[in-house]
Amino acid sequence: MHRESLPQFSGMLFVYEDTRRVSMWMKNTRIPLDMIFIGSDGVVAHVHENAVPGDLTSIPAPMPVRAVLEVNGGLTRSLGIAVGDEIRHPAFGPDAAWPCAD
């Protein structure tokens, strides 16, 4: 919230303690964001592109997820990130589609 910018290949990762229904919004967010909703297995479950700055509309994942990665608006399209892609991060543990090495 209240960010004026986000470095090009940076993001904000929101990890929940368990898999759950999640909704995001853009209150007090000043830049467009793509939201990548990620299942407990590290697989992208849903992508919402170019969320509108300041919009109070709820942006829900269509199914329970473990995490949401927010990146600059348009980045998912330019990198070709889509449903079914795999995310590598320790939060997704040993049962992830592509677990991190220790």
Foldseek 3Di string as FASTA:
>chain_A
DQDPDDPQPDKDKDFDPAWDKDKDAQANPDAFKKKFFAALQQFGQAIDAGHDHRGGDIHIRPGTHGMIIIHGGPSCVVVVPDGGDGDEDCSSPPNHPDYDDD
